[in-house]
Amino acid sequence: MHNHNTSIRKISVVVPIYNEESNIAELCSRLHQVLDSLPYKFEIILVNDGSMDNSAKMIADMCLIFSELKGIDLAGNYGQTIALRAGFELAKGDVIIAMDGDLQHDPADIIRFMEKIEAGYDLVGGAKESRPDSWLKSKLSALAHKLISRLAQVEMSYFGATFKAYRSYLLKHSNLLGDSHRFLGAIVARKGIKYTEIPITIHPRLYGTSNYKMNKVWKVLLDLIFLKFFVSYLKKPFRLFGSIGAGMLFFGLTGLAGFAIGSFFFQTNVKEDFIVEYFSCAILIIMGMLFISIGILAEVGVYNYFGQKRMSPYSIRSIISQTKHAKETNS
């Protein structure tokens, strides 16, 4: 890449790490080799997410070798989403690239990501070209991605890969929580930005064991409900809860009005013939008022959330860098 975008001065690569001690050395070496070949300054941020092995020590050792490497040692296991958020908030690059730490993502693909960024794209996602998955996992994954694309109204074929490149402004105040990293591409792509995908190959693991389990499929399905709420109603929850509540209230009141008219003018015996329907209408009215109240409280909560300073959802035990670790080693 000879001609590069002069507005891009630095790249940050953020990698969440959980029990990857056998992969860290090779990961750092391959990342450094690729990034050093690009015409930008760069930093590599490895976020140790409460690993139970020697991942934290390996990160510290790699900091002695690579001056561009920084480590974040989280005080506990918060999950991949929070680990990514911690890395994003420390990152100083004009472009931030997120990827997994198990070497299933090929660092060489970063060159192709940056070619698309240079071409004017704000977000470049990695769409799997092939993956060492079973038939069932592949089918379930394809179905989930179609649902995500439809719910988020974003024309992307693959959302699951962490491996994506973002212009840094997209990730400011991202406030990632839960497992929302799965949908991060869909969430930021809705801002009217220019985005695209490139095919990537998901390589088999060389060391360690996968953290992916089949029970995550059900968590993803539940998260789809959250995604719909996030993209459509996050800043206007009263429209959702208020609409549901108003509908219940309307049908409940209409039913009671009908019973009242029937009882007064047509001698309808509500107590004997329509007691179940009568109480059903009363329950609809109560539920409608409850949903409207929830909507009002949610709207107030959103106002407070965006209007006040928020606490961080994670704690950092230490920041690891070459200088700091060298001092600790020599002391």
Protein backbone atom coordinates (compact mmCIF):
# COMPACT_ATOMS: atom_id res chain seq x y z
CA MET A 1 0.00 0.00 0.00
CA HIS A 2 1.96 2.96 -1.29
CA ASN A 3 -0.62 5.74 -1.20
CA HIS A 4 -2.42 5.84 2.12
CA ASN A 5 -4.99 8.07 3.74
CA THR A 6 -3.05 10.78 5.55
CA SER A 7 -5.90 11.18 8.06
CA ILE A 8 -5.08 7.71 9.37
CA ARG A 9 -2.01 8.10 11.53
CA LYS A 10 -2.35 5.16 13.87
CA ILE A 11 -4.00 1.73 14.04
CA SER A 12 -5.08 0.02 17.26
CA VAL A 13 -5.63 -3.73 17.34
CA VAL A 14 -7.72 -4.89 20.32
CA VAL A 15 -7.68 -8.57 21.26
CA PRO A 16 -9.64 -10.06 24.20
CA ILE A 17 -7.72 -12.91 25.82
CA TYR A 18 -9.14 -15.75 27.91
CA ASN A 19 -6.91 -18.77 28.63
CA GLU A 20 -4.80 -18.35 25.48
CA GLU A 21 -1.29 -18.68 26.94
CA SER A 22 -0.20 -21.07 24.16
CA ASN A 23 -1.29 -18.66 21.41
CA ILE A 24 -0.12 -15.29 22.72
CA ALA A 25 3.52 -15.41 21.61
CA GLU A 26 2.74 -16.39 18.03
CA LEU A 27 -0.20 -13.97 17.91
CA CYS A 28 1.99 -11.04 18.95
CA SER A 29 4.74 -12.01 16.53
CA ARG A 30 2.40 -12.33 13.55
CA LEU A 31 0.51 -9.14 14.42
CA HIS A 32 3.72 -7.16 14.80
CA GLN A 33 5.06 -8.45 11.49
CA VAL A 34 1.89 -7.45 9.60
CA LEU A 35 1.42 -4.07 11.30
CA ASP A 36 5.08 -3.14 10.90
CA SER A 37 4.70 -3.58 7.13
CA LEU A 38 1.94 -0.94 6.99
CA PRO A 39 2.63 2.80 6.67
CA TYR A 40 1.08 3.69 10.03
CA LYS A 41 2.00 3.86 13.66
CA PHE A 42 0.28 1.09 15.58
CA GLU A 43 -0.47 -0.37 18.97
CA ILE A 44 -1.56 -3.84 20.02
CA ILE A 45 -3.83 -4.07 23.06
CA LEU A 46 -4.33 -7.49 24.65
CA VAL A 47 -7.10 -7.57 27.27
CA ASN A 48 -6.72 -10.39 29.78
CA ASP A 49 -10.28 -11.25 30.78
CA GLY A 50 -9.62 -13.04 34.06
CA SER A 51 -7.72 -15.96 32.52
CA MET A 52 -7.11 -18.96 34.77
CA ASP A 53 -3.82 -19.88 33.06
CA ASN A 54 -0.60 -17.88 32.55
CA SER A 55 -2.03 -15.52 29.92
CA ALA A 56 -1.36 -12.41 32.04
CA LYS A 57 2.31 -13.38 32.47
CA MET A 58 2.65 -14.14 28.76
CA ILE A 59 1.25 -10.69 27.91
CA ALA A 60 3.72 -9.08 30.29
CA ASP A 61 6.60 -11.04 28.75
CA MET A 62 5.55 -10.03 25.23
CA CYS A 63 5.52 -6.38 26.35
CA LEU A 64 9.29 -6.69 26.93
CA ILE A 65 9.73 -7.80 23.32
CA PHE A 66 7.28 -5.51 21.52
CA SER A 67 7.22 -1.87 22.56
CA GLU A 68 3.93 -1.30 20.72
CA LEU A 69 2.18 -3.88 22.89
CA LYS A 70 0.00 -2.94 25.87
CA GLY A 71 -1.90 -5.22 28.18
CA ILE A 72 -5.02 -4.67 30.24
CA ASP A 73 -5.39 -7.09 33.14
CA LEU A 74 -9.04 -7.05 34.15
CA ALA A 75 -9.86 -7.85 37.78
CA GLY A 76 -12.15 -10.75 36.94
CA ASN A 77 -13.83 -12.51 34.04
CA TYR A 78 -16.30 -10.06 32.49
CA GLY A 79 -16.85 -11.71 29.11
CA GLN A 80 -15.76 -10.84 25.61
CA THR A 81 -17.98 -7.79 25.22
CA ILE A 82 -16.63 -5.99 28.28
CA ALA A 83 -13.07 -7.02 27.41
CA LEU A 84 -13.46 -5.42 24.00
CA ARG A 85 -14.98 -2.31 25.56
CA ALA A 86 -11.99 -1.96 27.90
CA GLY A 87 -9.64 -2.19 24.93
CA PHE A 88 -11.66 0.27 22.84
CA GLU A 89 -11.61 2.83 25.66
CA LEU A 90 -7.81 2.62 25.94
CA ALA A 91 -7.17 2.60 22.18
CA LYS A 92 -5.66 5.74 20.61
CA GLY A 93 -5.79 4.73 16.95
CA ASP A 94 -7.73 6.44 14.18
CA VAL A 95 -8.77 2.96 13.11
CA ILE A 96 -9.54 0.21 15.65
CA ILE A 97 -9.42 -3.43 14.62
CA ALA A 98 -10.97 -6.07 16.87
CA MET A 99 -10.08 -9.75 16.56
CA ASP A 100 -9.97 -12.98 18.55
CA GLY A 101 -6.85 -14.20 20.31
CA ASP A 102 -6.96 -17.88 19.34
CA LEU A 103 -5.23 -17.50 15.92
CA GLN A 104 -8.42 -18.50 14.11
CA HIS A 105 -8.32 -14.99 12.65
CA ASP A 106 -5.38 -14.41 10.32
CA PRO A 107 -3.48 -11.17 11.13
CA ALA A 108 -2.54 -10.93 7.43
CA ASP A 109 -6.16 -10.02 6.68
CA ILE A 110 -5.56 -6.67 8.40
CA ILE A 111 -3.86 -5.50 5.19
CA ARG A 112 -7.09 -6.10 3.25
CA PHE A 113 -9.16 -4.43 5.97
CA MET A 114 -7.00 -1.32 5.70
CA GLU A 115 -7.25 -1.28 1.90
CA LYS A 116 -11.03 -0.97 2.27
CA ILE A 117 -10.68 1.70 4.98
CA GLU A 118 -8.37 3.63 2.66
CA ALA A 119 -10.99 3.32 -0.07
CA GLY A 120 -13.33 5.39 2.11
CA TYR A 121 -15.23 2.84 4.19
CA ASP A 122 -15.90 3.52 7.86
CA LEU A 123 -16.56 -0.09 8.86
CA VAL A 124 -15.15 -3.26 7.32
CA GLY A 125 -16.50 -6.57 8.56
CA GLY A 126 -15.04 -10.02 8.15
CA ALA A 127 -17.46 -12.46 6.49
CA LYS A 128 -16.38 -16.06 6.89
CA GLU A 129 -15.33 -17.71 3.67
CA SER A 130 -14.96 -21.07 5.38
CA ARG A 131 -15.01 -22.27 8.95
CA PRO A 132 -14.22 -25.64 10.60
CA ASP A 133 -17.79 -26.07 11.92
CA SER A 134 -20.28 -28.93 11.95
CA TRP A 135 -23.27 -28.90 9.59
CA LEU A 136 -25.67 -28.05 12.43
CA LYS A 137 -23.59 -25.11 13.70
CA SER A 138 -23.23 -23.76 10.17
CA LYS A 139 -27.00 -23.89 9.53
CA LEU A 140 -27.87 -22.32 12.88
CA SER A 141 -25.27 -19.62 12.30
CA ALA A 142 -26.64 -18.82 8.83
CA LEU A 143 -30.19 -18.55 10.22
CA ALA A 144 -29.06 -16.26 13.05
CA HIS A 145 -27.24 -13.92 10.65
CA LYS A 146 -30.30 -13.65 8.41
CA LEU A 147 -32.45 -12.75 11.42
CA ILE A 148 -29.92 -10.19 12.64
CA SER A 149 -29.74 -8.60 9.19
CA ARG A 150 -33.52 -8.30 9.01
CA LEU A 151 -34.00 -7.03 12.55
CA ALA A 152 -31.16 -4.50 12.32
CA GLN A 153 -32.09 -3.51 8.74
CA VAL A 154 -28.42 -3.76 7.78
CA GLU A 155 -27.32 -5.48 4.58
CA MET A 156 -24.47 -7.55 5.99
CA SER A 157 -24.08 -11.30 5.47
CA TYR A 158 -22.09 -12.12 8.61
CA PHE A 159 -22.21 -10.54 12.06
CA GLY A 160 -20.61 -13.16 14.29
CA ALA A 161 -16.92 -12.57 13.66
CA THR A 162 -15.17 -10.24 16.09
CA PHE A 163 -12.72 -9.48 13.27
CA LYS A 164 -13.75 -6.02 12.06
CA ALA A 165 -12.12 -2.65 11.39
CA TYR A 166 -13.81 0.54 12.62
CA ARG A 167 -12.97 4.18 12.29
CA SER A 168 -12.52 5.15 15.91
CA TYR A 169 -15.38 7.67 16.02
CA LEU A 170 -17.85 4.78 15.67
CA LEU A 171 -16.72 3.26 18.96
CA LYS A 172 -16.69 6.39 21.11
CA HIS A 173 -19.25 6.01 23.90
CA SER A 174 -20.24 2.59 22.53
CA ASN A 175 -21.18 1.53 26.11
CA LEU A 176 -21.01 -2.17 25.26
CA LEU A 177 -22.75 -4.42 27.79
CA GLY A 178 -23.85 -8.04 28.01
CA ASP A 179 -23.01 -9.92 24.81
CA SER A 180 -23.67 -7.02 22.46
CA HIS A 181 -20.30 -7.38 20.71
CA ARG A 182 -22.04 -9.94 18.48
CA PHE A 183 -24.17 -7.16 17.05
CA LEU A 184 -21.68 -4.30 17.22
CA GLY A 185 -21.28 -4.21 13.44
CA ALA A 186 -25.05 -4.03 12.98
CA ILE A 187 -25.46 -1.37 15.66
CA VAL A 188 -22.85 1.04 14.31
CA ALA A 189 -23.73 0.36 10.66
CA ARG A 190 -27.19 1.82 11.27
CA LYS A 191 -25.71 5.30 11.59
CA GLY A 192 -25.73 5.81 7.83
CA ILE A 193 -22.04 5.08 7.49
CA LYS A 194 -20.26 3.49 4.57
CA TYR A 195 -19.57 -0.18 5.32
CA THR A 196 -18.56 -3.33 3.50
CA GLU A 197 -17.37 -6.90 4.11
CA ILE A 198 -14.39 -8.93 3.01
CA PRO A 199 -14.18 -12.74 2.97
CA ILE A 200 -12.02 -14.23 5.73
CA THR A 201 -11.09 -17.79 6.59
CA ILE A 202 -11.62 -18.99 10.16
CA HIS A 203 -8.69 -21.30 10.81
CA PRO A 204 -8.79 -24.36 13.08
CA ARG A 205 -7.40 -23.87 16.58
CA LEU A 206 -3.80 -24.97 17.04
CA TYR A 207 -3.76 -24.76 20.84
CA GLY A 208 -6.30 -24.56 23.64
CA THR A 209 -10.00 -25.31 23.56
CA SER A 210 -12.84 -23.33 22.07
CA ASN A 211 -15.06 -21.29 24.37
CA TYR A 212 -17.99 -21.77 21.96
CA LYS A 213 -20.73 -24.07 23.27
CA MET A 214 -24.07 -25.04 21.75
CA ASN A 215 -25.96 -23.39 24.62
CA LYS A 216 -24.75 -20.06 23.22
CA VAL A 217 -27.19 -20.59 20.35
CA TRP A 218 -30.10 -20.01 22.71
CA LYS A 219 -28.38 -16.96 24.20
CA VAL A 220 -28.02 -15.55 20.69
CA LEU A 221 -31.72 -16.08 20.03
CA LEU A 222 -32.56 -14.21 23.24
CA ASP A 223 -30.10 -11.49 22.29
CA LEU A 224 -31.99 -11.01 19.02
CA ILE A 225 -34.89 -9.67 21.09
CA PHE A 226 -32.47 -7.25 22.75
CA LEU A 227 -31.11 -6.25 19.33
CA LYS A 228 -34.59 -5.34 18.08
CA PHE A 229 -35.20 -3.27 21.20
CA PHE A 230 -31.75 -1.65 20.95
CA VAL A 231 -31.99 -0.55 17.32
CA SER A 232 -35.65 0.51 17.42
CA TYR A 233 -36.54 1.63 20.93
CA LEU A 234 -33.41 2.25 23.02
CA LYS A 235 -33.88 6.03 23.10
CA LYS A 236 -37.67 5.93 22.90
CA PRO A 237 -38.85 2.95 25.02
CA PHE A 238 -42.24 4.55 25.70
CA ARG A 239 -43.17 3.97 22.06
CA LEU A 240 -42.84 0.22 22.61
CA PHE A 241 -44.29 -0.19 26.09
CA GLY A 242 -46.79 2.63 25.61
CA SER A 243 -48.10 1.11 22.35
CA ILE A 244 -48.54 -2.30 23.94
CA GLY A 245 -50.17 -0.76 27.00
CA ALA A 246 -52.48 1.45 24.95
CA GLY A 247 -53.58 -1.55 22.89
CA MET A 248 -54.38 -3.60 25.99
CA LEU A 249 -56.17 -0.66 27.58
CA PHE A 250 -58.24 -0.09 24.44
CA PHE A 251 -59.40 -3.69 24.11
CA GLY A 252 -60.06 -3.99 27.84
CA LEU A 253 -62.11 -0.80 28.02
CA THR A 254 -63.95 -1.66 24.80
CA GLY A 255 -64.88 -5.06 26.22
CA LEU A 256 -66.11 -3.62 29.52
CA ALA A 257 -68.07 -0.96 27.68
CA GLY A 258 -69.70 -3.67 25.59
CA PHE A 259 -70.67 -5.66 28.68
CA ALA A 260 -72.03 -2.52 30.34
CA ILE A 261 -74.17 -1.68 27.29
CA GLY A 262 -75.38 -5.27 27.06
CA SER A 263 -76.26 -5.37 30.75
CA PHE A 264 -78.19 -2.06 30.74
CA PHE A 265 -79.97 -2.23 27.40
CA PHE A 266 -80.13 -5.89 26.36
CA GLN A 267 -80.50 -7.69 29.71
CA THR A 268 -77.22 -9.56 29.22
CA ASN A 269 -76.35 -11.63 32.31
CA VAL A 270 -72.64 -10.92 32.51
CA LYS A 271 -72.21 -12.69 35.88
CA GLU A 272 -73.51 -16.02 34.60
CA ASP A 273 -72.65 -16.02 30.90
CA PHE A 274 -69.53 -13.84 30.46
CA ILE A 275 -67.73 -13.83 33.80
CA VAL A 276 -64.44 -15.12 32.31
CA GLU A 277 -64.55 -12.57 29.49
CA TYR A 278 -65.40 -9.80 31.95
CA PHE A 279 -62.40 -10.52 34.17
CA SER A 280 -60.18 -10.94 31.08
CA CYS A 281 -61.07 -7.39 30.07
CA ALA A 282 -60.34 -6.17 33.59
CA ILE A 283 -56.93 -7.89 33.47
CA LEU A 284 -56.22 -6.27 30.08
CA ILE A 285 -56.92 -2.86 31.59
CA ILE A 286 -54.60 -3.52 34.53
CA MET A 287 -51.87 -4.88 32.24
CA GLY A 288 -52.29 -1.91 29.89
CA MET A 289 -51.84 0.55 32.73
CA LEU A 290 -48.81 -1.45 33.93
CA PHE A 291 -47.14 -1.34 30.50
CA ILE A 292 -47.77 2.38 30.18
CA SER A 293 -46.23 2.90 33.63
CA ILE A 294 -43.20 0.78 32.64
CA GLY A 295 -42.84 2.88 29.48
CA ILE A 296 -42.85 6.11 31.48
CA LEU A 297 -40.28 4.76 33.94
CA ALA A 298 -38.10 3.47 31.07
CA GLU A 299 -38.24 6.87 29.38
CA VAL A 300 -37.14 8.54 32.62
CA GLY A 301 -34.39 5.94 32.98
CA VAL A 302 -33.11 6.63 29.45
CA TYR A 303 -33.10 10.37 30.20
CA ASN A 304 -31.04 9.79 33.34
CA TYR A 305 -28.74 7.31 31.58
CA PHE A 306 -27.80 9.68 28.78
CA GLY A 307 -27.86 12.77 30.94
CA GLN A 308 -25.59 11.69 33.78
CA LYS A 309 -22.06 10.33 34.07
CA ARG A 310 -22.07 6.54 34.04
CA MET A 311 -19.89 4.18 36.05
CA SER A 312 -17.62 1.73 34.27
CA PRO A 313 -18.90 -1.88 34.25
CA TYR A 314 -15.40 -3.30 34.77
CA SER A 315 -12.37 -2.91 37.04
CA ILE A 316 -8.77 -2.95 35.84
CA ARG A 317 -6.19 -4.66 38.01
CA SER A 318 -3.29 -3.16 36.08
CA ILE A 319 -2.14 -1.75 32.75
CA ILE A 320 0.84 -3.68 31.38
CA SER A 321 3.41 -1.96 29.18
CA GLN A 322 7.06 -2.45 28.28
CA THR A 323 8.35 0.31 30.56
CA LYS A 324 6.30 -0.69 33.58
CA HIS A 325 7.03 -4.39 33.26
CA ALA A 326 10.74 -3.76 32.75
CA LYS A 327 10.85 -1.78 36.01
CA GLU A 328 9.00 -4.53 37.88
CA THR A 329 11.32 -7.18 36.43
CA ASN A 330 14.47 -5.29 37.45
CA SER A 331 13.25 -4.39 40.94
